[in-house]
């Protein structure tokens, strides 16, 4: 599953909880232009990728996944808490 398979996301949302979503890949997050908190705990994510457009993100929770590779975090300049 991907994020878009689960829910139509309001691009103006500030917080998105996708815990326990059986999400396997981070993709199609570009519309989230104002997101500040993204919760993806307890999914099937193996790689942190495709998040460079989430520059407003302050909090990113990805624990209890199967992450083995991290990419594109350098653009998340507002990130206060992560992984």
N, C-alpha and C. Protein backbone atom coordinates (compact mmCIF):
# COMPACT_ATOMS: atom_id res chain seq x y z
N UNK A 1 0.83 -1.20 0.00
CA UNK A 1 0.00 0.00 0.00
C UNK A 1 0.87 1.25 0.00
N UNK A 2 0.34 2.31 -0.52
CA UNK A 2 1.01 3.60 -0.46
C UNK A 2 0.08 4.57 0.26
N UNK A 3 0.58 5.75 0.56
CA UNK A 3 -0.23 6.75 1.25
C UNK A 3 -1.50 7.04 0.47
N UNK A 4 -1.42 7.16 -0.85
CA UNK A 4 -2.60 7.49 -1.65
C UNK A 4 -3.62 6.36 -1.71
N UNK A 5 -3.22 5.13 -1.46
CA UNK A 5 -4.16 4.03 -1.44
C UNK A 5 -5.07 4.09 -0.22
N UNK A 6 -4.66 4.82 0.78
CA UNK A 6 -5.37 4.81 2.06
C UNK A 6 -6.38 5.95 2.18
N UNK A 7 -6.01 7.14 1.74
CA UNK A 7 -6.81 8.30 2.07
C UNK A 7 -6.58 9.43 1.07
N UNK A 8 -7.62 10.19 0.78
CA UNK A 8 -7.45 11.43 0.04
C UNK A 8 -7.05 12.48 1.05
N UNK A 9 -5.92 13.10 0.84
CA UNK A 9 -5.36 13.99 1.84
C UNK A 9 -5.62 15.45 1.47
N UNK A 10 -6.14 16.20 2.43
CA UNK A 10 -6.32 17.64 2.27
C UNK A 10 -4.95 18.28 2.24
N UNK A 11 -4.59 19.00 1.18
CA UNK A 11 -3.25 19.59 1.09
C UNK A 11 -2.95 20.60 2.19
N UNK A 12 -3.97 21.10 2.86
CA UNK A 12 -3.76 22.09 3.91
C UNK A 12 -3.68 21.47 5.30
N UNK A 13 -3.74 20.16 5.38
CA UNK A 13 -3.70 19.50 6.69
C UNK A 13 -2.37 19.77 7.38
N UNK A 14 -2.41 19.95 8.69
CA UNK A 14 -1.21 20.19 9.48
C UNK A 14 -0.70 18.92 10.14
N UNK A 15 -1.61 17.97 10.37
CA UNK A 15 -1.25 16.74 11.06
C UNK A 15 -1.91 15.55 10.36
N UNK A 16 -1.13 14.50 10.16
CA UNK A 16 -1.65 13.32 9.48
C UNK A 16 -1.18 12.07 10.22
N UNK A 17 -2.14 11.27 10.66
CA UNK A 17 -1.85 10.05 11.41
C UNK A 17 -2.15 8.85 10.51
N UNK A 18 -1.10 8.18 10.07
CA UNK A 18 -1.23 6.99 9.24
C UNK A 18 -0.60 5.78 9.93
N UNK A 19 -0.66 5.76 11.26
CA UNK A 19 -0.15 4.64 12.02
C UNK A 19 -0.96 3.38 11.69
N UNK A 20 -0.30 2.24 11.73
CA UNK A 20 -0.95 0.95 11.48
C UNK A 20 -1.61 0.88 10.11
N UNK A 21 -1.06 1.58 9.11
CA UNK A 21 -1.69 1.63 7.79
C UNK A 21 -1.20 0.61 6.80
N UNK A 22 -0.24 -0.25 7.20
CA UNK A 22 0.36 -1.23 6.30
C UNK A 22 0.97 -0.57 5.06
N UNK A 23 1.47 0.64 5.24
CA UNK A 23 2.10 1.39 4.16
C UNK A 23 3.50 0.83 3.93
N UNK A 24 3.82 0.55 2.68
CA UNK A 24 5.11 -0.03 2.35
C UNK A 24 6.09 0.96 1.74
N UNK A 25 5.60 2.10 1.25
CA UNK A 25 6.47 3.05 0.58
C UNK A 25 5.97 4.47 0.78
N UNK A 26 6.90 5.39 1.00
CA UNK A 26 6.55 6.80 1.11
C UNK A 26 6.58 7.41 -0.29
N UNK A 27 5.41 7.83 -0.76
CA UNK A 27 5.33 8.47 -2.06
C UNK A 27 4.06 9.29 -2.16
N UNK A 28 4.01 10.16 -3.15
CA UNK A 28 2.86 11.03 -3.41
C UNK A 28 2.53 11.95 -2.24
N UNK A 29 3.57 12.40 -1.55
CA UNK A 29 3.37 13.31 -0.42
C UNK A 29 3.48 14.79 -0.83
N UNK A 30 3.81 15.05 -2.08
CA UNK A 30 4.04 16.42 -2.54
C UNK A 30 2.89 17.38 -2.27
N UNK A 31 1.62 16.95 -2.33
CA UNK A 31 0.52 17.90 -2.06
C UNK A 31 0.49 18.45 -0.63
N UNK A 32 1.18 17.80 0.29
CA UNK A 32 1.15 18.24 1.69
C UNK A 32 2.07 19.43 1.89
N UNK A 33 1.62 20.59 1.46
CA UNK A 33 2.47 21.78 1.46
C UNK A 33 2.55 22.48 2.81
N UNK A 34 1.67 22.11 3.75
CA UNK A 34 1.67 22.77 5.06
C UNK A 34 1.84 21.80 6.22
N UNK A 35 2.04 20.55 5.93
CA UNK A 35 2.11 19.51 6.97
C UNK A 35 3.19 19.81 8.00
N UNK A 36 2.86 19.67 9.27
CA UNK A 36 3.82 19.88 10.35
C UNK A 36 4.12 18.59 11.12
N UNK A 37 3.13 17.69 11.19
CA UNK A 37 3.30 16.45 11.94
C UNK A 37 2.80 15.27 11.11
N UNK A 38 3.68 14.30 10.90
CA UNK A 38 3.34 13.13 10.10
C UNK A 38 3.70 11.88 10.90
N UNK A 39 2.69 11.06 11.17
CA UNK A 39 2.86 9.87 11.99
C UNK A 39 2.68 8.62 11.13
N UNK A 40 3.72 7.84 11.02
CA UNK A 40 3.73 6.63 10.20
C UNK A 40 4.26 5.44 10.98
N UNK A 41 3.91 5.36 12.26
CA UNK A 41 4.38 4.26 13.10
C UNK A 41 3.69 2.95 12.71
N UNK A 42 4.37 1.86 12.98
CA UNK A 42 3.81 0.52 12.80
C UNK A 42 3.31 0.30 11.37
N UNK A 43 4.18 0.57 10.41
CA UNK A 43 3.89 0.30 9.01
C UNK A 43 4.94 -0.67 8.47
N UNK A 44 5.06 -0.77 7.17
CA UNK A 44 5.98 -1.70 6.52
C UNK A 44 7.04 -0.95 5.71
N UNK A 45 7.35 0.25 6.11
CA UNK A 45 8.28 1.11 5.38
C UNK A 45 9.70 0.60 5.57
N UNK A 46 10.42 0.44 4.46
CA UNK A 46 11.80 -0.03 4.52
C UNK A 46 12.80 1.07 4.18
N UNK A 47 12.31 2.16 3.59
CA UNK A 47 13.21 3.21 3.12
C UNK A 47 12.56 4.57 3.33
N UNK A 48 13.29 5.50 3.93
CA UNK A 48 12.79 6.86 4.06
C UNK A 48 13.21 7.60 2.80
N UNK A 49 12.23 7.95 1.99
CA UNK A 49 12.49 8.59 0.70
C UNK A 49 11.29 9.46 0.34
N UNK A 50 11.46 10.28 -0.67
CA UNK A 50 10.37 11.11 -1.21
C UNK A 50 9.75 12.05 -0.18
N UNK A 51 10.57 12.53 0.75
CA UNK A 51 10.05 13.46 1.75
C UNK A 51 10.64 14.86 1.61
N UNK A 52 11.46 15.08 0.61
CA UNK A 52 12.17 16.36 0.49
C UNK A 52 11.25 17.55 0.26
N UNK A 53 10.02 17.33 -0.19
CA UNK A 53 9.08 18.43 -0.41
C UNK A 53 8.35 18.84 0.87
N UNK A 54 8.51 18.07 1.94
CA UNK A 54 7.79 18.34 3.19
C UNK A 54 8.58 19.30 4.07
N UNK A 55 8.92 20.46 3.53
CA UNK A 55 9.81 21.40 4.23
C UNK A 55 9.18 22.02 5.47
N UNK A 56 7.87 21.97 5.61
CA UNK A 56 7.20 22.52 6.79
C UNK A 56 7.14 21.52 7.94
N UNK A 57 7.57 20.29 7.68
CA UNK A 57 7.47 19.22 8.66
C UNK A 57 8.32 19.49 9.89
N UNK A 58 7.68 19.41 11.07
CA UNK A 58 8.37 19.59 12.34
C UNK A 58 8.56 18.26 13.07
N UNK A 59 7.62 17.35 12.87
CA UNK A 59 7.66 16.09 13.59
C UNK A 59 7.36 14.95 12.62
N UNK A 60 8.24 13.96 12.62
CA UNK A 60 8.10 12.80 11.75
C UNK A 60 8.35 11.55 12.60
N UNK A 61 7.33 10.72 12.72
CA UNK A 61 7.47 9.51 13.53
C UNK A 61 7.39 8.30 12.61
N UNK A 62 8.46 7.53 12.62
CA UNK A 62 8.56 6.36 11.75
C UNK A 62 9.00 5.11 12.49
N UNK A 63 8.95 5.12 13.81
CA UNK A 63 9.44 3.95 14.51
C UNK A 63 8.50 2.76 14.34
N UNK A 64 9.04 1.58 14.59
CA UNK A 64 8.34 0.32 14.39
C UNK A 64 8.01 0.08 12.92
N UNK A 65 8.97 0.41 12.05
CA UNK A 65 8.94 0.06 10.64
C UNK A 65 10.15 -0.84 10.39
N UNK A 66 10.46 -1.10 9.16
CA UNK A 66 11.59 -1.95 8.80
C UNK A 66 12.61 -1.14 8.00
N UNK A 67 12.93 0.03 8.47
CA UNK A 67 13.75 0.99 7.73
C UNK A 67 15.21 0.53 7.69
N UNK A 68 15.75 0.48 6.48
CA UNK A 68 17.15 0.14 6.30
C UNK A 68 17.90 1.22 5.52
N UNK A 69 17.18 2.20 4.97
CA UNK A 69 17.82 3.25 4.19
C UNK A 69 17.09 4.57 4.41
N UNK A 70 17.88 5.64 4.57
CA UNK A 70 17.34 6.98 4.79
C UNK A 70 17.87 7.90 3.71
N UNK A 71 16.96 8.62 3.03
CA UNK A 71 17.35 9.56 1.98
C UNK A 71 16.53 10.83 2.09
N UNK A 72 17.07 11.93 1.56
CA UNK A 72 16.33 13.18 1.35
C UNK A 72 15.84 13.88 2.62
N UNK A 73 16.52 13.69 3.72
CA UNK A 73 16.11 14.40 4.94
C UNK A 73 16.72 15.79 5.04
N UNK A 74 17.75 16.07 4.26
CA UNK A 74 18.44 17.35 4.39
C UNK A 74 17.54 18.55 4.08
N UNK A 75 16.48 18.38 3.32
CA UNK A 75 15.59 19.48 3.00
C UNK A 75 14.61 19.79 4.13
N UNK A 76 14.51 18.91 5.11
CA UNK A 76 13.54 19.09 6.20
C UNK A 76 14.16 19.95 7.29
N UNK A 77 14.34 21.20 6.98
CA UNK A 77 15.06 22.12 7.86
C UNK A 77 14.29 22.48 9.12
N UNK A 78 12.99 22.23 9.17
CA UNK A 78 12.17 22.54 10.35
C UNK A 78 11.96 21.33 11.26
N UNK A 79 12.53 20.20 10.87
CA UNK A 79 12.31 18.97 11.63
C UNK A 79 12.90 19.09 13.04
N UNK A 80 12.05 18.85 14.04
CA UNK A 80 12.46 18.93 15.44
C UNK A 80 12.59 17.56 16.05
N UNK A 81 11.82 16.61 15.57
CA UNK A 81 11.76 15.28 16.16
C UNK A 81 11.58 14.30 15.02
N UNK A 82 12.31 13.24 15.04
CA UNK A 82 12.14 12.32 13.94
C UNK A 82 12.55 10.90 14.25
N UNK A 83 12.28 10.07 13.31
CA UNK A 83 12.57 8.66 13.28
C UNK A 83 12.22 8.05 14.62
